[in-house]
Amino acid sequence: MPDRSSSPMSAPRGPTQALLEPFGATAGDVRAAVYDVARQVPRTLADLAVPRPGGGSFRLTDHHVRAALAPSSAVSPSTPFAWSARTARRALGLAALRALVTGAARSPVDGVSRAIDEAVRAARQGASAASPMDRWLVGLPAAGRVAVQADAVTWATRLWCALDWSAFEEPPTIGRDHWWDSPHSSLLALRSRAEVRSVARDQAGAPFSVHLVVLGGPRRATIRSELSVAAMVEVLSSPRSLPPGRMVGWWPDSGHLVTLEIDQHALDDGVAAVARTLASAGATPAATPGDSEGAIRAAA
């Protein structure tokens, strides 16, 4: 499970190449090994999610893995989630990118402006699809919305300019988060998030899915565990016709890349990371559907 990384100073390798470079193994070899291991994973995970006094369900995201596995000196005090320019930038930036990919917007500024206008319109009209973020936006003064727009435009511009969009066989999927609900335990659900999902191929031309995860904050020792859990979710929820192949974590601030090939070692690491996270959650209740929205919306 190689850890490949680069920075603007060390190599020209960028997110597009990291995503789409050919796989060394053939599709058949990887598929057989990964799915053989994956058959045992759901039962193993269910056995880890045992009830605890006063506890609810375990809806685990990369945020929980990071908080549980980071050194105590690196863990920030937990604070209640609140909408802000920082926490709203991903949702608005992804909406802008979707508009750019489809041609509905001509620039990140145009895309974010459209996303904010649509959010405000939905909240004012009382649409059933209006989100808590939409209702927060409608309550902001004009200057507040400008600040939110500026942060989201910066986020979207970095991702839009970092990728060679013409290199993809078909338009990538933007911002799809996957939840995997355990078939053996109602207590456990795991999330995999990615800002860009597409298809790459092995040396024989067989397809694999690839996933770009935009990362924020400092580079950290827990990133491989975070990506391994996401990789495990991709294996458990993917169709057999398109086996998962690669996770790429990218820090736009530094250009640093971490690549994780989705193989049986990644699955083992994902199970181990969930086990340690659940053990840590024994003293702290895991997130409920209500308070997990912050982690979902402000993932980067």
Protein backbone atom coordinates (compact mmCIF):
# COMPACT_ATOMS: atom_id res chain seq x y z
CA MET A 1 0.00 0.00 0.00
CA PRO A 2 2.35 2.74 -1.21
CA ASP A 3 2.32 6.22 0.27
CA ARG A 4 3.07 8.49 -2.65
CA SER A 5 3.28 12.18 -2.02
CA SER A 6 4.40 15.28 -3.79
CA SER A 7 4.54 19.02 -3.42
CA PRO A 8 5.07 21.85 -5.91
CA MET A 9 8.75 21.90 -4.89
CA SER A 10 9.43 18.18 -5.29
CA ALA A 11 7.58 17.03 -8.41
CA PRO A 12 5.10 18.21 -11.04
CA ARG A 13 2.72 15.35 -10.26
CA GLY A 14 -0.70 16.84 -9.58
CA PRO A 15 -4.16 15.61 -8.54
CA THR A 16 -5.22 14.62 -12.08
CA GLN A 17 -2.19 12.39 -12.62
CA ALA A 18 -2.50 10.94 -9.13
CA LEU A 19 -6.11 9.99 -9.85
CA LEU A 20 -5.80 8.66 -13.38
CA GLU A 21 -2.36 7.09 -13.65
CA PRO A 22 -2.64 3.39 -14.63
CA PHE A 23 -2.83 0.72 -11.97
CA GLY A 24 0.02 -1.72 -11.69
CA ALA A 25 -2.17 -4.77 -11.11
CA THR A 26 -4.92 -6.09 -13.34
CA ALA A 27 -8.58 -5.66 -12.50
CA GLY A 28 -9.15 -9.37 -12.01
CA ASP A 29 -6.34 -9.76 -9.50
CA VAL A 30 -7.38 -6.79 -7.38
CA ARG A 31 -11.10 -7.57 -7.56
CA ALA A 32 -10.62 -11.13 -6.35
CA ALA A 33 -8.38 -10.18 -3.43
CA VAL A 34 -10.44 -7.19 -2.26
CA TYR A 35 -13.83 -8.86 -2.43
CA ASP A 36 -12.52 -12.01 -0.78
CA VAL A 37 -11.50 -9.95 2.25
CA ALA A 38 -14.63 -7.78 2.08
CA ARG A 39 -16.95 -10.75 2.63
CA GLN A 40 -15.80 -10.95 6.24
CA VAL A 41 -15.82 -7.21 6.97
CA PRO A 42 -19.54 -6.53 7.67
CA ARG A 43 -19.77 -9.17 10.41
CA THR A 44 -16.47 -8.04 11.92
CA LEU A 45 -17.64 -4.41 12.04
CA ALA A 46 -21.01 -5.37 13.54
CA ASP A 47 -19.27 -7.27 16.32
CA LEU A 48 -17.30 -4.11 17.14
CA ALA A 49 -20.41 -1.95 17.47
CA VAL A 50 -21.67 -3.24 20.80
CA PRO A 51 -24.23 -1.20 22.77
CA ARG A 52 -22.97 0.94 25.62
CA PRO A 53 -24.90 2.55 28.50
CA GLY A 54 -26.54 5.75 27.38
CA GLY A 55 -25.08 5.39 23.90
CA GLY A 56 -26.82 5.63 20.56
CA SER A 57 -25.84 4.58 17.08
CA PHE A 58 -22.31 4.93 15.74
CA ARG A 59 -22.46 7.16 12.63
CA LEU A 60 -18.77 7.50 11.99
CA THR A 61 -17.06 9.90 9.60
CA ASP A 62 -13.46 10.79 8.89
CA HIS A 63 -13.84 13.51 11.54
CA HIS A 64 -14.44 10.90 14.24
CA VAL A 65 -11.52 8.75 13.06
CA ARG A 66 -9.25 11.79 13.12
CA ALA A 67 -10.38 12.85 16.60
CA ALA A 68 -10.03 9.33 18.01
CA LEU A 69 -6.63 8.44 16.56
CA ALA A 70 -4.76 11.73 16.70
CA PRO A 71 -2.24 12.27 19.50
CA SER A 72 -3.85 13.98 22.46
CA SER A 73 -1.67 17.05 21.90
CA ALA A 74 -3.12 17.44 18.41
CA VAL A 75 -6.81 17.15 19.34
CA SER A 76 -8.69 20.45 19.46
CA PRO A 77 -11.39 20.95 22.10
CA SER A 78 -14.81 19.93 20.82
CA THR A 79 -17.14 22.85 20.14
CA PRO A 80 -20.77 22.88 18.99
CA PHE A 81 -21.19 23.13 15.24
CA ALA A 82 -22.14 26.53 13.84
CA TRP A 83 -22.51 27.70 10.27
CA SER A 84 -19.82 30.12 9.11
CA ALA A 85 -17.98 31.06 5.94
CA ARG A 86 -15.55 28.21 6.63
CA THR A 87 -18.14 25.53 7.33
CA ALA A 88 -20.33 26.52 4.35
CA ARG A 89 -17.57 26.74 1.75
CA ARG A 90 -17.55 23.06 0.80
CA ALA A 91 -21.28 22.76 0.12
CA LEU A 92 -21.35 26.00 -1.89
CA GLY A 93 -18.08 25.22 -3.64
CA LEU A 94 -19.31 21.78 -4.71
CA ALA A 95 -22.54 23.27 -6.06
CA ALA A 96 -20.44 25.71 -8.06
CA LEU A 97 -18.25 22.92 -9.45
CA ARG A 98 -21.27 20.90 -10.52
CA ALA A 99 -22.52 23.94 -12.44
CA LEU A 100 -19.09 24.42 -14.03
CA VAL A 101 -18.82 20.78 -15.13
CA THR A 102 -22.26 20.88 -16.75
CA GLY A 103 -21.68 24.27 -18.36
CA ALA A 104 -24.36 26.03 -16.33
CA ALA A 105 -21.74 28.38 -14.85
CA ARG A 106 -18.82 30.07 -16.56
CA SER A 107 -16.55 30.64 -13.56
CA PRO A 108 -16.28 29.71 -9.86
CA VAL A 109 -17.57 33.20 -9.00
CA ASP A 110 -20.63 32.64 -11.19
CA GLY A 111 -21.16 29.14 -9.79
CA VAL A 112 -20.98 30.18 -6.13
CA SER A 113 -23.22 33.19 -6.77
CA ARG A 114 -25.80 30.87 -8.34
CA ALA A 115 -25.54 28.44 -5.42
CA ILE A 116 -26.11 31.19 -2.85
CA ASP A 117 -29.02 32.66 -4.82
CA GLU A 118 -30.67 29.25 -5.08
CA ALA A 119 -30.16 28.56 -1.37
CA VAL A 120 -31.65 31.91 -0.35
CA ARG A 121 -34.57 31.44 -2.75
CA ALA A 122 -35.32 27.96 -1.37
CA ALA A 123 -35.29 29.22 2.22
CA ARG A 124 -37.47 32.24 1.48
CA GLN A 125 -40.01 30.16 -0.40
CA GLY A 126 -40.12 27.56 2.37
CA ALA A 127 -39.15 24.79 -0.01
CA SER A 128 -39.02 21.33 1.53
CA ALA A 129 -35.54 20.87 0.08
CA ALA A 130 -34.17 23.92 1.93
CA SER A 131 -31.31 22.90 4.21
CA PRO A 132 -30.20 24.37 7.54
CA MET A 133 -27.40 26.09 5.63
CA ASP A 134 -29.96 27.68 3.31
CA ARG A 135 -31.92 29.03 6.27
CA TRP A 136 -28.72 30.35 7.83
CA LEU A 137 -27.76 32.14 4.61
CA VAL A 138 -31.10 33.88 4.29
CA GLY A 139 -30.64 35.41 7.74
CA LEU A 140 -27.26 36.95 6.92
CA PRO A 141 -26.87 40.64 6.02
CA ALA A 142 -25.51 41.41 2.57
CA ALA A 143 -21.97 41.89 3.89
CA GLY A 144 -22.11 38.49 5.58
CA ARG A 145 -23.12 36.77 2.36
CA VAL A 146 -20.26 38.47 0.52
CA ALA A 147 -17.82 37.04 3.06
CA VAL A 148 -19.34 33.57 2.65
CA GLN A 149 -19.16 33.90 -1.14
CA ALA A 150 -15.50 34.91 -1.05
CA ASP A 151 -14.49 31.86 1.00
CA ALA A 152 -16.50 29.49 -1.20
CA VAL A 153 -15.09 30.99 -4.40
CA THR A 154 -11.54 30.48 -3.12
CA TRP A 155 -12.31 26.84 -2.26
CA ALA A 156 -13.98 26.13 -5.60
CA THR A 157 -11.32 27.94 -7.65
CA ARG A 158 -8.51 25.90 -6.13
CA LEU A 159 -10.17 22.61 -7.03
CA TRP A 160 -11.37 23.79 -10.44
CA CYS A 161 -7.89 24.96 -11.44
CA ALA A 162 -6.05 21.99 -9.94
CA LEU A 163 -7.60 19.36 -12.21
CA ASP A 164 -7.34 18.81 -15.96
CA TRP A 165 -11.03 18.26 -16.56
CA SER A 166 -10.47 17.25 -20.18
CA ALA A 167 -8.47 14.21 -19.03
CA PHE A 168 -11.54 12.38 -17.66
CA GLU A 169 -13.33 9.90 -19.90
CA GLU A 170 -16.67 11.36 -18.84
CA PRO A 171 -17.67 14.22 -16.53
CA PRO A 172 -16.73 13.24 -12.96
CA THR A 173 -19.26 13.03 -10.16
CA ILE A 174 -18.84 16.03 -7.87
CA GLY A 175 -19.28 15.81 -4.13
CA ARG A 176 -21.06 12.51 -3.59
CA ASP A 177 -20.81 11.18 -0.03
CA HIS A 178 -21.58 7.49 0.55
CA TRP A 179 -23.07 6.07 3.75
CA TRP A 180 -22.81 2.35 4.45
CA ASP A 181 -25.33 1.00 6.97
CA SER A 182 -24.35 -2.26 8.59
CA PRO A 183 -26.67 -5.12 7.56
CA HIS A 184 -25.94 -6.87 10.87
CA SER A 185 -26.18 -4.01 13.38
CA SER A 186 -28.53 -1.04 13.51
CA LEU A 187 -25.92 0.70 15.65
CA LEU A 188 -23.33 1.21 12.93
CA ALA A 189 -23.04 3.39 9.85
CA LEU A 190 -19.85 4.59 8.15
CA ARG A 191 -19.30 7.42 5.70
CA SER A 192 -16.98 7.83 2.75
CA ARG A 193 -16.73 11.28 1.23
CA ALA A 194 -15.04 12.50 -1.93
CA GLU A 195 -15.15 15.78 -3.78
CA VAL A 196 -14.44 14.18 -7.18
CA ARG A 197 -15.22 10.61 -8.28
CA SER A 198 -14.24 9.21 -11.65
CA VAL A 199 -12.90 6.14 -13.46
CA ALA A 200 -9.32 5.06 -14.18
CA ARG A 201 -8.05 1.87 -15.78
CA ASP A 202 -5.50 -0.81 -15.13
CA GLN A 203 -2.84 -1.90 -17.61
CA ALA A 204 -5.32 -4.23 -19.31
CA GLY A 205 -7.88 -1.45 -19.75
CA ALA A 206 -10.31 -2.63 -17.06
CA PRO A 207 -12.04 0.20 -15.11
CA PHE A 208 -11.64 1.13 -11.46
CA SER A 209 -13.26 3.95 -9.53
CA VAL A 210 -11.04 6.74 -8.22
CA HIS A 211 -11.81 9.32 -5.54
CA LEU A 212 -10.28 12.72 -4.77
CA VAL A 213 -10.67 13.93 -1.17
CA VAL A 214 -9.93 17.60 -0.51
CA LEU A 215 -8.23 17.98 2.86
CA GLY A 216 -7.91 20.92 5.21
CA GLY A 217 -5.76 21.76 8.18
CA PRO A 218 -2.20 20.55 8.71
CA ARG A 219 -0.82 17.31 7.32
CA ARG A 220 -1.49 14.66 9.94
CA ALA A 221 -0.53 11.16 10.95
CA THR A 222 -4.13 9.94 10.89
CA ILE A 223 -4.74 10.57 7.18
CA ARG A 224 -4.04 7.00 6.06
CA SER A 225 -6.53 5.69 8.61
CA GLU A 226 -9.12 8.21 7.46
CA LEU A 227 -8.65 7.22 3.83
CA SER A 228 -8.64 3.51 4.70
CA VAL A 229 -12.08 3.80 6.32
CA ALA A 230 -13.35 5.65 3.25
CA ALA A 231 -11.83 2.98 1.01
CA MET A 232 -13.53 0.25 3.01
CA VAL A 233 -16.90 1.95 2.59
CA GLU A 234 -16.30 2.17 -1.16
CA VAL A 235 -15.64 -1.55 -1.34
CA LEU A 236 -18.71 -2.42 0.73
CA SER A 237 -21.05 -0.18 -1.26
CA SER A 238 -19.65 -0.33 -4.80
CA PRO A 239 -21.13 -2.37 -7.66
CA ARG A 240 -19.04 -5.36 -8.65
CA SER A 241 -18.88 -3.99 -12.20
CA LEU A 242 -16.75 -1.04 -11.02
CA PRO A 243 -14.40 -2.10 -8.23
CA PRO A 244 -12.86 0.66 -6.12
CA GLY A 245 -9.29 1.41 -7.04
CA ARG A 246 -7.75 4.50 -5.47
CA MET A 247 -8.22 7.25 -2.90
CA VAL A 248 -6.22 10.46 -3.31
CA GLY A 249 -6.05 12.96 -0.48
CA TRP A 250 -5.07 16.49 -1.54
CA TRP A 251 -4.21 19.55 0.53
CA PRO A 252 -4.87 22.57 -1.72
CA ASP A 253 -2.92 24.90 0.60
CA SER A 254 0.34 23.04 0.02
CA GLY A 255 -0.33 20.85 -3.01
CA HIS A 256 0.65 17.79 -0.97
CA LEU A 257 -0.82 14.46 -2.12
CA VAL A 258 -1.34 11.13 -0.36
CA THR A 259 -2.39 8.17 -2.50
CA LEU A 260 -4.02 5.03 -1.13
CA GLU A 261 -4.54 2.05 -3.42
CA ILE A 262 -7.69 0.21 -2.34
CA ASP A 263 -6.47 -3.32 -1.69
CA GLN A 264 -6.81 -5.91 1.04
CA HIS A 265 -4.27 -4.08 3.21
CA ALA A 266 -6.39 -0.94 3.02
CA LEU A 267 -9.43 -2.94 4.17
CA ASP A 268 -7.50 -4.35 7.11
CA ASP A 269 -6.37 -0.86 8.07
CA GLY A 270 -9.93 0.42 7.74
CA VAL A 271 -11.29 -2.23 10.09
CA ALA A 272 -8.51 -1.49 12.59
CA ALA A 273 -9.25 2.25 12.44
CA VAL A 274 -12.96 1.68 13.05
CA ALA A 275 -12.16 -0.62 15.98
CA ARG A 276 -9.97 2.01 17.61
CA THR A 277 -12.50 4.76 16.93
CA LEU A 278 -15.35 2.77 18.43
CA ALA A 279 -13.22 1.93 21.46
CA SER A 280 -12.54 5.62 21.93
CA ALA A 281 -16.25 6.38 21.53
CA GLY A 282 -16.99 4.19 24.56
CA ALA A 283 -16.46 7.21 26.77
CA THR A 284 -17.84 9.80 24.35
CA PRO A 285 -21.17 9.31 22.53
CA ALA A 286 -20.82 9.03 18.79
CA ALA A 287 -22.49 11.59 16.58
CA THR A 288 -26.22 11.33 16.04
CA PRO A 289 -27.88 12.15 12.72
CA GLY A 290 -28.67 15.62 14.03
CA ASP A 291 -25.19 16.67 15.05
CA SER A 292 -23.38 14.89 12.21
CA GLU A 293 -24.41 17.52 9.67
CA GLY A 294 -21.55 19.77 10.63
CA ALA A 295 -19.00 17.06 9.93
CA ILE A 296 -20.69 16.30 6.61
CA ARG A 297 -21.00 19.86 5.37
CA ALA A 298 -17.68 21.16 6.67
CA ALA A 299 -15.63 18.09 5.89
CA ALA A 300 -12.77 19.96 4.24
